[in-house]
PDB file of all heavy atoms in Angstrom:
ATOM      1  N   ILE A   1       0.895  -1.218  -0.028  1.00  0.00           N
ATOM      2  CA  ILE A   1       0.081  -0.026  -0.060  1.00  0.00           C
ATOM      3  C   ILE A   1       0.928   1.246  -0.020  1.00  0.00           C
ATOM      4  O   ILE A   1       1.686   1.473   0.976  1.00  0.00           O
ATOM      5  CB  ILE A   1      -0.930   0.026   1.243  1.00  0.00           C
ATOM      6  CG1 ILE A   1      -1.896  -1.157   1.140  1.00  0.00           C
ATOM      7  CG2 ILE A   1      -1.769   1.334   1.237  1.00  0.00           C
ATOM      8  CD1 ILE A   1      -2.851  -1.321   2.405  1.00  0.00           C
ATOM      9  N   ALA A   2       0.799   2.018  -0.994  1.00  0.00           N
ATOM     10  CA  ALA A   2       1.636   3.197  -1.183  1.00  0.00           C
ATOM     11  C   ALA A   2       1.105   4.424  -0.390  1.00  0.00           C
ATOM     12  O   ALA A   2       0.532   5.405  -0.856  1.00  0.00           O
ATOM     13  CB  ALA A   2       1.781   3.623  -2.660  1.00  0.00           C
ATOM     14  N   ALA A   3       1.317   4.291   0.921  1.00  0.00           N
ATOM     15  CA  ALA A   3       0.882   5.316   1.877  1.00  0.00           C
ATOM     16  C   ALA A   3       1.844   5.283   3.106  1.00  0.00           C
ATOM     17  O   ALA A   3       2.564   4.339   3.447  1.00  0.00           O
ATOM     18  CB  ALA A   3      -0.456   5.009   2.380  1.00  0.00           C
ATOM     19  N   PRO A   4       1.927   6.405   3.874  1.00  0.00           N
ATOM     20  CA  PRO A   4       2.715   6.440   5.042  1.00  0.00           C
ATOM     21  C   PRO A   4       2.007   5.633   6.232  1.00  0.00           C
ATOM     22  O   PRO A   4       0.792   5.662   6.386  1.00  0.00           O
ATOM     23  CB  PRO A   4       2.716   7.920   5.494  1.00  0.00           C
ATOM     24  CG  PRO A   4       2.343   8.747   4.225  1.00  0.00           C
ATOM     25  CD  PRO A   4       1.329   7.732   3.499  1.00  0.00           C
ATOM     26  N   PHE A   5       2.834   4.881   6.904  1.00  0.00           N
ATOM     27  CA  PHE A   5       2.409   4.191   8.145  1.00  0.00           C
ATOM     28  C   PHE A   5       3.190   4.734   9.305  1.00  0.00           C
ATOM     29  O   PHE A   5       4.309   4.880   9.323  1.00  0.00           O
ATOM     30  CB  PHE A   5       2.600   2.661   7.987  1.00  0.00           C
ATOM     31  CG  PHE A   5       1.789   2.080   6.900  1.00  0.00           C
ATOM     32  CD1 PHE A   5       2.149   1.988   5.620  1.00  0.00           C
ATOM     33  CD2 PHE A   5       0.648   1.318   7.288  1.00  0.00           C
ATOM     34  CE1 PHE A   5       1.338   1.447   4.604  1.00  0.00           C
ATOM     35  CE2 PHE A   5      -0.129   0.684   6.378  1.00  0.00           C
ATOM     36  CZ  PHE A   5       0.169   0.741   4.983  1.00  0.00           C
ATOM     37  N   VAL A   6       2.386   4.867  10.440  1.00  0.00           N
ATOM     38  CA  VAL A   6       2.972   5.312  11.679  1.00  0.00           C
ATOM     39  C   VAL A   6       2.643   4.298  12.740  1.00  0.00           C
ATOM     40  O   VAL A   6       1.496   4.076  13.054  1.00  0.00           O
ATOM     41  CB  VAL A   6       2.453   6.710  12.088  1.00  0.00           C
ATOM     42  CG1 VAL A   6       3.003   7.139  13.430  1.00  0.00           C
ATOM     43  CG2 VAL A   6       2.842   7.722  11.082  1.00  0.00           C
ATOM     44  N   SER A   7       3.676   3.681  13.413  1.00  0.00           N
ATOM     45  CA  SER A   7       3.428   2.690  14.391  1.00  0.00           C
ATOM     46  C   SER A   7       4.292   2.840  15.606  1.00  0.00           C
ATOM     47  O   SER A   7       5.465   3.379  15.450  1.00  0.00           O
ATOM     48  CB  SER A   7       3.676   1.301  13.818  1.00  0.00           C
ATOM     49  OG  SER A   7       2.871   0.942  12.659  1.00  0.00           O
ATOM     50  N   CYS A   8       3.843   2.285  16.680  1.00  0.00           N
ATOM     51  CA  CYS A   8       4.684   2.149  17.933  1.00  0.00           C
ATOM     52  C   CYS A   8       5.454   0.902  17.716  1.00  0.00           C
ATOM     53  O   CYS A   8       4.859  -0.137  17.142  1.00  0.00           O
ATOM     54  CB  CYS A   8       3.919   2.104  19.198  1.00  0.00           C
ATOM     55  SG  CYS A   8       4.871   2.007  20.662  1.00  0.00           S
ATOM     56  N   ASP A   9       6.712   0.719  18.160  1.00  0.00           N
ATOM     57  CA  ASP A   9       7.472  -0.503  17.929  1.00  0.00           C
ATOM     58  C   ASP A   9       7.035  -1.605  18.952  1.00  0.00           C
ATOM     59  O   ASP A   9       7.564  -1.697  20.056  1.00  0.00           O
ATOM     60  CB  ASP A   9       9.043  -0.188  18.117  1.00  0.00           C
ATOM     61  CG  ASP A   9       9.851  -1.376  17.586  1.00  0.00           C
ATOM     62  OD1 ASP A   9       9.413  -2.502  17.566  1.00  0.00           O
ATOM     63  OD2 ASP A   9      10.985  -1.059  17.200  1.00  0.00           O
ATOM     64  N   ASP A  10       6.062  -2.359  18.552  1.00  0.00           N
ATOM     65  CA  ASP A  10       5.475  -3.406  19.387  1.00  0.00           C
ATOM     66  C   ASP A  10       6.375  -4.434  19.833  1.00  0.00           C
ATOM     67  O   ASP A  10       6.375  -4.906  21.053  1.00  0.00           O
ATOM     68  CB  ASP A  10       4.218  -3.943  18.714  1.00  0.00           C
ATOM     69  CG  ASP A  10       3.157  -2.967  18.455  1.00  0.00           C
ATOM     70  OD1 ASP A  10       2.547  -2.563  19.429  1.00  0.00           O
ATOM     71  OD2 ASP A  10       2.906  -2.659  17.326  1.00  0.00           O
ATOM     72  N   ARG A  11       7.294  -4.744  18.984  1.00  0.00           N
ATOM     73  CA  ARG A  11       8.242  -5.832  19.241  1.00  0.00           C
ATOM     74  C   ARG A  11       9.230  -5.376  20.380  1.00  0.00           C
ATOM     75  O   ARG A  11       9.477  -5.993  21.369  1.00  0.00           O
ATOM     76  CB  ARG A  11       9.079  -6.300  18.054  1.00  0.00           C
ATOM     77  CG  ARG A  11      10.115  -7.293  18.361  1.00  0.00           C
ATOM     78  CD  ARG A  11      10.941  -7.733  17.152  1.00  0.00           C
ATOM     79  NE  ARG A  11      11.937  -8.737  17.501  1.00  0.00           N
ATOM     80  CZ  ARG A  11      12.031  -9.901  17.097  1.00  0.00           C
ATOM     81  NH1 ARG A  11      11.139 -10.286  16.186  1.00  0.00           N
ATOM     82  NH2 ARG A  11      13.051 -10.753  17.519  1.00  0.00           N
ATOM     83  N   GLU A  12       9.771  -4.157  20.243  1.00  0.00           N
ATOM     84  CA  GLU A  12      10.553  -3.477  21.183  1.00  0.00           C
ATOM     85  C   GLU A  12       9.886  -3.361  22.577  1.00  0.00           C
ATOM     86  O   GLU A  12      10.370  -3.517  23.583  1.00  0.00           O
ATOM     87  CB  GLU A  12      11.067  -2.110  20.714  1.00  0.00           C
ATOM     88  CG  GLU A  12      11.909  -1.299  21.661  1.00  0.00           C
ATOM     89  CD  GLU A  12      13.314  -1.848  21.727  1.00  0.00           C
ATOM     90  OE1 GLU A  12      13.685  -2.811  20.996  1.00  0.00           O
ATOM     91  OE2 GLU A  12      14.129  -1.376  22.634  1.00  0.00           O
ATOM     92  N   ALA A  13       8.562  -3.067  22.529  1.00  0.00           N
ATOM     93  CA  ALA A  13       7.793  -2.844  23.732  1.00  0.00           C
ATOM     94  C   ALA A  13       7.796  -4.072  24.631  1.00  0.00           C
ATOM     95  O   ALA A  13       8.093  -4.072  25.860  1.00  0.00           O
ATOM     96  CB  ALA A  13       6.333  -2.431  23.338  1.00  0.00           C
ATOM     97  N   THR A  14       7.485  -5.217  24.016  1.00  0.00           N
ATOM     98  CA  THR A  14       7.411  -6.474  24.756  1.00  0.00           C
ATOM     99  C   THR A  14       8.837  -6.961  25.204  1.00  0.00           C
ATOM    100  O   THR A  14       8.981  -7.486  26.270  1.00  0.00           O
ATOM    101  CB  THR A  14       6.775  -7.568  24.053  1.00  0.00           C
ATOM    102  OG1 THR A  14       7.226  -7.690  22.653  1.00  0.00           O
ATOM    103  CG2 THR A  14       5.231  -7.386  23.945  1.00  0.00           C
ATOM    104  N   GLU A  15       9.828  -6.624  24.443  1.00  0.00           N
ATOM    105  CA  GLU A  15      11.225  -7.007  24.799  1.00  0.00           C
ATOM    106  C   GLU A  15      11.626  -6.169  26.084  1.00  0.00           C
ATOM    107  O   GLU A  15      12.175  -6.672  26.987  1.00  0.00           O
ATOM    108  CB  GLU A  15      12.185  -6.630  23.663  1.00  0.00           C
ATOM    109  CG  GLU A  15      12.039  -7.713  22.475  1.00  0.00           C
ATOM    110  CD  GLU A  15      13.259  -7.674  21.585  1.00  0.00           C
ATOM    111  OE1 GLU A  15      14.357  -7.432  22.003  1.00  0.00           O
ATOM    112  OE2 GLU A  15      13.000  -7.748  20.348  1.00  0.00           O
ATOM    113  N   LEU A  16      11.265  -4.895  26.070  1.00  0.00           N
ATOM    114  CA  LEU A  16      11.530  -4.056  27.174  1.00  0.00           C
ATOM    115  C   LEU A  16      10.879  -4.536  28.448  1.00  0.00           C
ATOM    116  O   LEU A  16      11.324  -4.474  29.582  1.00  0.00           O
ATOM    117  CB  LEU A  16      11.276  -2.528  26.877  1.00  0.00           C
ATOM    118  CG  LEU A  16      12.228  -1.861  25.908  1.00  0.00           C
ATOM    119  CD1 LEU A  16      11.637  -0.442  25.571  1.00  0.00           C
ATOM    120  CD2 LEU A  16      13.536  -1.738  26.527  1.00  0.00           C
ATOM    121  N   ALA A  17       9.530  -4.929  28.281  1.00  0.00           N
ATOM    122  CA  ALA A  17       8.745  -5.357  29.308  1.00  0.00           C
ATOM    123  C   ALA A  17       9.295  -6.528  30.002  1.00  0.00           C
ATOM    124  O   ALA A  17       9.399  -6.761  31.195  1.00  0.00           O
ATOM    125  CB  ALA A  17       7.320  -5.527  28.967  1.00  0.00           C
ATOM    126  N   VAL A  18       9.729  -7.512  29.114  1.00  0.00           N
ATOM    127  CA  VAL A  18      10.318  -8.858  29.676  1.00  0.00           C
ATOM    128  C   VAL A  18      11.651  -8.469  30.408  1.00  0.00           C
ATOM    129  O   VAL A  18      11.836  -9.010  31.470  1.00  0.00           O
ATOM    130  CB  VAL A  18      10.495  -9.804  28.535  1.00  0.00           C
ATOM    131  CG1 VAL A  18      11.346 -10.995  28.978  1.00  0.00           C
ATOM    132  CG2 VAL A  18       9.157 -10.312  27.985  1.00  0.00           C
ATOM    133  N   ALA A  19      12.459  -7.623  29.806  1.00  0.00           N
ATOM    134  CA  ALA A  19      13.752  -7.316  30.386  1.00  0.00           C
ATOM    135  C   ALA A  19      13.530  -6.687  31.740  1.00  0.00           C
ATOM    136  O   ALA A  19      14.266  -6.973  32.706  1.00  0.00           O
ATOM    137  CB  ALA A  19      14.501  -6.378  29.529  1.00  0.00           C
ATOM    138  N   HIS A  20      12.525  -5.842  31.922  1.00  0.00           N
ATOM    139  CA  HIS A  20      12.177  -5.197  33.212  1.00  0.00           C
ATOM    140  C   HIS A  20      11.852  -6.305  34.291  1.00  0.00           C
ATOM    141  O   HIS A  20      12.327  -6.270  35.362  1.00  0.00           O
ATOM    142  CB  HIS A  20      11.088  -4.258  33.046  1.00  0.00           C
ATOM    143  CG  HIS A  20      10.489  -3.721  34.293  1.00  0.00           C
ATOM    144  ND1 HIS A  20      11.183  -3.007  35.265  1.00  0.00           N
ATOM    145  CD2 HIS A  20       9.288  -3.843  34.862  1.00  0.00           C
ATOM    146  CE1 HIS A  20      10.491  -2.748  36.255  1.00  0.00           C
ATOM    147  NE2 HIS A  20       9.278  -3.222  36.096  1.00  0.00           N
ATOM    148  N   LEU A  21      10.965  -7.280  33.905  1.00  0.00           N
ATOM    149  CA  LEU A  21      10.557  -8.267  34.872  1.00  0.00           C
ATOM    150  C   LEU A  21      11.736  -9.231  35.164  1.00  0.00           C
ATOM    151  O   LEU A  21      11.852  -9.659  36.339  1.00  0.00           O
ATOM    152  CB  LEU A  21       9.411  -8.987  34.251  1.00  0.00           C
ATOM    153  CG  LEU A  21       8.083  -8.297  34.160  1.00  0.00           C
ATOM    154  CD1 LEU A  21       6.971  -9.092  33.506  1.00  0.00           C
ATOM    155  CD2 LEU A  21       7.659  -7.698  35.465  1.00  0.00           C
ATOM    156  N   VAL A  22      12.533  -9.520  34.117  1.00  0.00           N
ATOM    157  CA  VAL A  22      13.814 -10.415  34.363  1.00  0.00           C
ATOM    158  C   VAL A  22      14.682  -9.716  35.424  1.00  0.00           C
ATOM    159  O   VAL A  22      15.273 -10.415  36.257  1.00  0.00           O
ATOM    160  CB  VAL A  22      14.524 -10.718  33.058  1.00  0.00           C
ATOM    161  CG1 VAL A  22      15.828 -11.359  33.362  1.00  0.00           C
ATOM    162  CG2 VAL A  22      13.553 -11.670  32.255  1.00  0.00           C
ATOM    163  N   ALA A  23      14.851  -8.375  35.212  1.00  0.00           N
ATOM    164  CA  ALA A  23      15.693  -7.726  36.119  1.00  0.00           C
ATOM    165  C   ALA A  23      15.200  -7.712  37.570  1.00  0.00           C
ATOM    166  O   ALA A  23      16.002  -7.608  38.525  1.00  0.00           O
ATOM    167  CB  ALA A  23      15.771  -6.207  35.668  1.00  0.00           C
ATOM    168  N   LEU A  24      13.965  -7.938  37.753  1.00  0.00           N
ATOM    169  CA  LEU A  24      13.325  -8.048  39.062  1.00  0.00           C
ATOM    170  C   LEU A  24      13.350  -9.492  39.596  1.00  0.00           C
ATOM    171  O   LEU A  24      12.805  -9.709  40.704  1.00  0.00           O
ATOM    172  CB  LEU A  24      11.879  -7.511  38.999  1.00  0.00           C
ATOM    173  CG  LEU A  24      11.743  -5.995  38.762  1.00  0.00           C
ATOM    174  CD1 LEU A  24      10.241  -5.626  38.531  1.00  0.00           C
ATOM    175  CD2 LEU A  24      12.372  -5.192  39.882  1.00  0.00           C
ATOM    176  N   GLY A  25      13.920 -10.487  38.759  1.00  0.00           N
ATOM    177  CA  GLY A  25      13.999 -11.759  39.338  1.00  0.00           C
ATOM    178  C   GLY A  25      12.894 -12.705  38.791  1.00  0.00           C
ATOM    179  O   GLY A  25      12.975 -13.883  39.188  1.00  0.00           O
ATOM    180  N   HIS A  26      12.097 -12.294  37.932  1.00  0.00           N
ATOM    181  CA  HIS A  26      10.961 -13.074  37.358  1.00  0.00           C
ATOM    182  C   HIS A  26      11.571 -13.997  36.203  1.00  0.00           C
ATOM    183  O   HIS A  26      12.343 -13.436  35.421  1.00  0.00           O
ATOM    184  CB  HIS A  26       9.803 -12.280  36.870  1.00  0.00           C
ATOM    185  CG  HIS A  26       9.143 -11.458  37.952  1.00  0.00           C
ATOM    186  ND1 HIS A  26       8.224 -12.060  38.782  1.00  0.00           N
ATOM    187  CD2 HIS A  26       9.323 -10.214  38.428  1.00  0.00           C
ATOM    188  CE1 HIS A  26       7.815 -11.180  39.699  1.00  0.00           C
ATOM    189  NE2 HIS A  26       8.509  -9.974  39.404  1.00  0.00           N
ATOM    190  N   ARG A  27      11.049 -15.212  36.056  1.00  0.00           N
ATOM    191  CA  ARG A  27      11.489 -16.059  34.917  1.00  0.00           C
ATOM    192  C   ARG A  27      10.243 -16.573  34.191  1.00  0.00           C
ATOM    193  O   ARG A  27      10.241 -16.640  33.000  1.00  0.00           O
ATOM    194  CB  ARG A  27      12.408 -17.195  35.405  1.00  0.00           C
ATOM    195  CG  ARG A  27      13.768 -16.715  35.860  1.00  0.00           C
ATOM    196  CD  ARG A  27      14.502 -16.048  34.700  1.00  0.00           C
ATOM    197  NE  ARG A  27      15.927 -15.575  35.205  1.00  0.00           N
ATOM    198  CZ  ARG A  27      16.058 -14.424  35.605  1.00  0.00           C
ATOM    199  NH1 ARG A  27      15.047 -13.465  35.684  1.00  0.00           N
ATOM    200  NH2 ARG A  27      17.317 -14.017  36.080  1.00  0.00           N
ATOM    201  N   ARG A  28       9.331 -17.053  34.992  1.00  0.00           N
ATOM    202  CA  ARG A  28       8.051 -17.487  34.265  1.00  0.00           C
ATOM    203  C   ARG A  28       7.188 -16.292  34.067  1.00  0.00           C
ATOM    204  O   ARG A  28       6.297 -15.820  34.880  1.00  0.00           O
ATOM    205  CB  ARG A  28       7.330 -18.513  35.166  1.00  0.00           C
ATOM    206  CG  ARG A  28       8.052 -19.906  35.245  1.00  0.00           C
ATOM    207  CD  ARG A  28       7.244 -20.923  35.911  1.00  0.00           C
ATOM    208  NE  ARG A  28       6.106 -21.296  35.149  1.00  0.00           N
ATOM    209  CZ  ARG A  28       6.065 -22.067  34.115  1.00  0.00           C
ATOM    210  NH1 ARG A  28       7.272 -22.609  33.616  1.00  0.00           N
ATOM    211  NH2 ARG A  28       4.881 -22.431  33.450  1.00  0.00           N
ATOM    212  N   ILE A  29       7.247 -15.670  32.817  1.00  0.00           N
ATOM    213  CA  ILE A  29       6.612 -14.461  32.552  1.00  0.00           C
ATOM    214  C   ILE A  29       5.680 -14.791  31.405  1.00  0.00           C
ATOM    215  O   ILE A  29       6.082 -15.192  30.305  1.00  0.00           O
ATOM    216  CB  ILE A  29       7.656 -13.371  32.011  1.00  0.00           C
ATOM    217  CG1 ILE A  29       8.677 -13.102  33.191  1.00  0.00           C
ATOM    218  CG2 ILE A  29       6.920 -12.128  31.625  1.00  0.00           C
ATOM    219  CD1 ILE A  29       9.912 -12.321  32.706  1.00  0.00           C
ATOM    220  N   GLY A  30       4.446 -14.594  31.698  1.00  0.00           N
ATOM    221  CA  GLY A  30       3.399 -14.869  30.693  1.00  0.00           C
ATOM    222  C   GLY A  30       3.081 -13.686  29.725  1.00  0.00           C
ATOM    223  O   GLY A  30       3.306 -12.499  30.193  1.00  0.00           O
ATOM    224  N   LEU A  31       2.486 -13.936  28.624  1.00  0.00           N
ATOM    225  CA  LEU A  31       2.095 -12.876  27.704  1.00  0.00           C
ATOM    226  C   LEU A  31       0.541 -12.952  27.465  1.00  0.00           C
ATOM    227  O   LEU A  31       0.004 -14.048  27.132  1.00  0.00           O
ATOM    228  CB  LEU A  31       2.841 -13.012  26.340  1.00  0.00           C
ATOM    229  CG  LEU A  31       2.362 -12.039  25.227  1.00  0.00           C
ATOM    230  CD1 LEU A  31       2.764 -10.658  25.511  1.00  0.00           C
ATOM    231  CD2 LEU A  31       2.833 -12.516  23.890  1.00  0.00           C
ATOM    232  N   ILE A  32      -0.102 -11.903  27.672  1.00  0.00           N
ATOM    233  CA  ILE A  32      -1.559 -11.742  27.273  1.00  0.00           C
ATOM    234  C   ILE A  32      -1.747 -10.702  26.222  1.00  0.00           C
ATOM    235  O   ILE A  32      -1.400  -9.485  26.407  1.00  0.00           O
ATOM    236  CB  ILE A  32      -2.315 -11.320  28.566  1.00  0.00           C
ATOM    237  CG1 ILE A  32      -2.154 -12.459  29.639  1.00  0.00           C
ATOM    238  CG2 ILE A  32      -3.827 -11.180  28.243  1.00  0.00           C
ATOM    239  CD1 ILE A  32      -2.798 -12.059  31.036  1.00  0.00           C
ATOM    240  N   THR A  33      -2.238 -11.056  25.062  1.00  0.00           N
ATOM    241  CA  THR A  33      -2.541 -10.034  24.049  1.00  0.00           C
ATOM    242  C   THR A  33      -3.686 -10.531  23.228  1.00  0.00           C
ATOM    243  O   THR A  33      -4.346 -11.634  23.504  1.00  0.00           O
ATOM    244  CB  THR A  33      -1.259  -9.740  23.300  1.00  0.00           C
ATOM    245  OG1 THR A  33      -1.474  -8.689  22.397  1.00  0.00           O
ATOM    246  CG2 THR A  33      -0.843 -11.033  22.410  1.00  0.00           C
ATOM    247  N   GLY A  34      -4.062  -9.754  22.130  1.00  0.00           N
ATOM    248  CA  GLY A  34      -5.138 -10.108  21.312  1.00  0.00           C
ATOM    249  C   GLY A  34      -4.926 -11.135  20.250  1.00  0.00           C
ATOM    250  O   GLY A  34      -4.053 -11.924  20.340  1.00  0.00           O
ATOM    251  N   PRO A  35      -5.978 -11.222  19.401  1.00  0.00           N
ATOM    252  CA  PRO A  35      -5.861 -12.334  18.301  1.00  0.00           C
ATOM    253  C   PRO A  35      -4.723 -12.117  17.360  1.00  0.00           C
ATOM    254  O   PRO A  35      -4.326 -11.017  17.176  1.00  0.00           O
ATOM    255  CB  PRO A  35      -7.185 -12.060  17.530  1.00  0.00           C
ATOM    256  CG  PRO A  35      -8.109 -11.461  18.548  1.00  0.00           C
ATOM    257  CD  PRO A  35      -7.258 -10.555  19.348  1.00  0.00           C
ATOM    258  N   ASP A  36      -4.137 -13.314  16.932  1.00  0.00           N
ATOM    259  CA  ASP A  36      -2.886 -13.178  16.190  1.00  0.00           C
ATOM    260  C   ASP A  36      -3.008 -12.726  14.894  1.00  0.00           C
ATOM    261  O   ASP A  36      -2.030 -12.713  14.056  1.00  0.00           O
ATOM    262  CB  ASP A  36      -2.081 -14.519  16.381  1.00  0.00           C
ATOM    263  CG  ASP A  36      -2.861 -15.662  15.643  1.00  0.00           C
ATOM    264  OD1 ASP A  36      -4.084 -15.411  15.228  1.00  0.00           O
ATOM    265  OD2 ASP A  36      -2.349 -16.780  15.638  1.00  0.00           O
ATOM    266  N   ARG A  37      -4.231 -12.483  14.388  1.00  0.00           N
ATOM    267  CA  ARG A  37      -4.273 -11.962  12.876  1.00  0.00           C
ATOM    268  C   ARG A  37      -3.945 -10.531  12.852  1.00  0.00           C
ATOM    269  O   ARG A  37      -3.819  -9.998  11.792  1.00  0.00           O
ATOM    270  CB  ARG A  37      -5.781 -12.123  12.536  1.00  0.00           C
ATOM    271  CG  ARG A  37      -6.884 -11.358  13.124  1.00  0.00           C
ATOM    272  CD  ARG A  37      -8.163 -11.535  12.419  1.00  0.00           C
ATOM    273  NE  ARG A  37      -9.186 -10.576  12.796  1.00  0.00           N
ATOM    274  CZ  ARG A  37      -9.936 -10.646  13.862  1.00  0.00           C
ATOM    275  NH1 ARG A  37      -9.935 -11.672  14.728  1.00  0.00           N
ATOM    276  NH2 ARG A  37     -10.855  -9.713  14.165  1.00  0.00           N
ATOM    277  N   PHE A  38      -3.806  -9.847  13.978  1.00  0.00           N
ATOM    278  CA  PHE A  38      -3.406  -8.379  13.926  1.00  0.00           C
ATOM    279  C   PHE A  38      -1.906  -8.235  13.932  1.00  0.00           C
ATOM    280  O   PHE A  38      -1.198  -8.883  14.707  1.00  0.00           O
ATOM    281  CB  PHE A  38      -4.101  -7.721  15.140  1.00  0.00           C
ATOM    282  CG  PHE A  38      -5.565  -7.621  15.119  1.00  0.00           C
ATOM    283  CD1 PHE A  38      -6.269  -8.398  15.946  1.00  0.00           C
ATOM    284  CD2 PHE A  38      -6.224  -6.846  14.140  1.00  0.00           C
ATOM    285  CE1 PHE A  38      -7.615  -8.400  15.969  1.00  0.00           C
ATOM    286  CE2 PHE A  38      -7.689  -6.864  14.146  1.00  0.00           C
ATOM    287  CZ  PHE A  38      -8.344  -7.664  15.032  1.00  0.00           C
ATOM    288  N   VAL A  39      -1.409  -7.315  13.032  1.00  0.00           N
ATOM    289  CA  VAL A  39      -0.020  -7.127  12.899  1.00  0.00           C
ATOM    290  C   VAL A  39       0.686  -6.708  14.216  1.00  0.00           C
ATOM    291  O   VAL A  39       1.727  -7.261  14.627  1.00  0.00           O
ATOM    292  CB  VAL A  39       0.271  -6.150  11.881  1.00  0.00           C
ATOM    293  CG1 VAL A  39       1.816  -5.704  11.837  1.00  0.00           C
ATOM    294  CG2 VAL A  39      -0.150  -6.638  10.514  1.00  0.00           C
ATOM    295  N   PRO A  40       0.143  -5.784  14.994  1.00  0.00           N
ATOM    296  CA  PRO A  40       0.758  -5.409  16.298  1.00  0.00           C
ATOM    297  C   PRO A  40       0.827  -6.573  17.214  1.00  0.00           C
ATOM    298  O   PRO A  40       1.871  -6.712  17.999  1.00  0.00           O
ATOM    299  CB  PRO A  40      -0.229  -4.292  16.950  1.00  0.00           C
ATOM    300  CG  PRO A  40      -0.849  -3.724  15.641  1.00  0.00           C
ATOM    301  CD  PRO A  40      -0.964  -4.871  14.711  1.00  0.00           C
ATOM    302  N   VAL A  41      -0.172  -7.499  17.276  1.00  0.00           N
ATOM    303  CA  VAL A  41      -0.079  -8.653  18.137  1.00  0.00           C
ATOM    304  C   VAL A  41       1.044  -9.591  17.707  1.00  0.00           C
ATOM    305  O   VAL A  41       1.800 -10.116  18.525  1.00  0.00           O
ATOM    306  CB  VAL A  41      -1.435  -9.443  18.087  1.00  0.00           C
ATOM    307  CG1 VAL A  41      -1.243 -10.772  18.807  1.00  0.00           C
ATOM    308  CG2 VAL A  41      -2.487  -8.561  18.738  1.00  0.00           C
ATOM    309  N   GLN A  42       1.194  -9.780  16.398  1.00  0.00           N
ATOM    310  CA  GLN A  42       2.247 -10.705  15.940  1.00  0.00           C
ATOM    311  C   GLN A  42       3.612 -10.143  16.298  1.00  0.00           C
ATOM    312  O   GLN A  42       4.557 -10.867  16.623  1.00  0.00           O
ATOM    313  CB  GLN A  42       2.132 -10.750  14.389  1.00  0.00           C
ATOM    314  CG  GLN A  42       0.927 -11.512  13.812  1.00  0.00           C
ATOM    315  CD  GLN A  42       0.676 -11.366  12.289  1.00  0.00           C
ATOM    316  OE1 GLN A  42       1.584 -10.829  11.631  1.00  0.00           O
ATOM    317  NE2 GLN A  42      -0.312 -11.994  11.926  1.00  0.00           N
ATOM    318  N   ARG A  43       3.720  -8.844  16.249  1.00  0.00           N
ATOM    319  CA  ARG A  43       5.059  -8.195  16.633  1.00  0.00           C
ATOM    320  C   ARG A  43       5.302  -8.327  18.109  1.00  0.00           C
ATOM    321  O   ARG A  43       6.404  -8.473  18.566  1.00  0.00           O
ATOM    322  CB  ARG A  43       5.046  -6.764  16.215  1.00  0.00           C
ATOM    323  CG  ARG A  43       5.161  -6.646  14.716  1.00  0.00           C
ATOM    324  CD  ARG A  43       4.978  -5.168  14.257  1.00  0.00           C
ATOM    325  NE  ARG A  43       5.286  -5.015  12.754  1.00  0.00           N
ATOM    326  CZ  ARG A  43       5.136  -3.837  12.146  1.00  0.00           C
ATOM    327  NH1 ARG A  43       4.762  -2.717  12.882  1.00  0.00           N
ATOM    328  NH2 ARG A  43       5.395  -3.770  10.898  1.00  0.00           N
ATOM    329  N   ARG A  44       4.257  -8.138  18.943  1.00  0.00           N
ATOM    330  CA  ARG A  44       4.420  -8.304  20.353  1.00  0.00           C
ATOM    331  C   ARG A  44       4.790  -9.771  20.780  1.00  0.00           C
ATOM    332  O   ARG A  44       5.583  -9.949  21.636  1.00  0.00           O
ATOM    333  CB  ARG A  44       3.087  -7.935  21.137  1.00  0.00           C
ATOM    334  CG  ARG A  44       2.893  -6.439  21.069  1.00  0.00           C
ATOM    335  CD  ARG A  44       1.451  -6.077  21.525  1.00  0.00           C
ATOM    336  NE  ARG A  44       1.131  -4.691  21.082  1.00  0.00           N
ATOM    337  CZ  ARG A  44      -0.105  -4.190  21.158  1.00  0.00           C
ATOM    338  NH1 ARG A  44      -1.125  -4.956  21.670  1.00  0.00           N
ATOM    339  NH2 ARG A  44      -0.360  -2.975  20.747  1.00  0.00           N
ATOM    340  N   VAL A  45       4.188 -10.688  20.114  1.00  0.00           N
ATOM    341  CA  VAL A  45       4.529 -12.139  20.411  1.00  0.00           C
ATOM    342  C   VAL A  45       5.950 -12.364  19.980  1.00  0.00           C
ATOM    343  O   VAL A  45       6.694 -13.086  20.846  1.00  0.00           O
ATOM    344  CB  VAL A  45       3.580 -13.084  19.682  1.00  0.00           C
ATOM    345  CG1 VAL A  45       3.990 -14.519  19.800  1.00  0.00           C
ATOM    346  CG2 VAL A  45       2.096 -12.904  20.164  1.00  0.00           C
TER     347      VAL A  45
END
């Protein structure tokens, strides 16, 4: 699609969130997000 797209870096977001929890000593860290047909969800996973 020949148009501008503006997005938050969803992959970076979940990586930062996991790193934060790991720094606090957590290892079993679950992910809760929406249906996997959505591009932002795929990136977060």
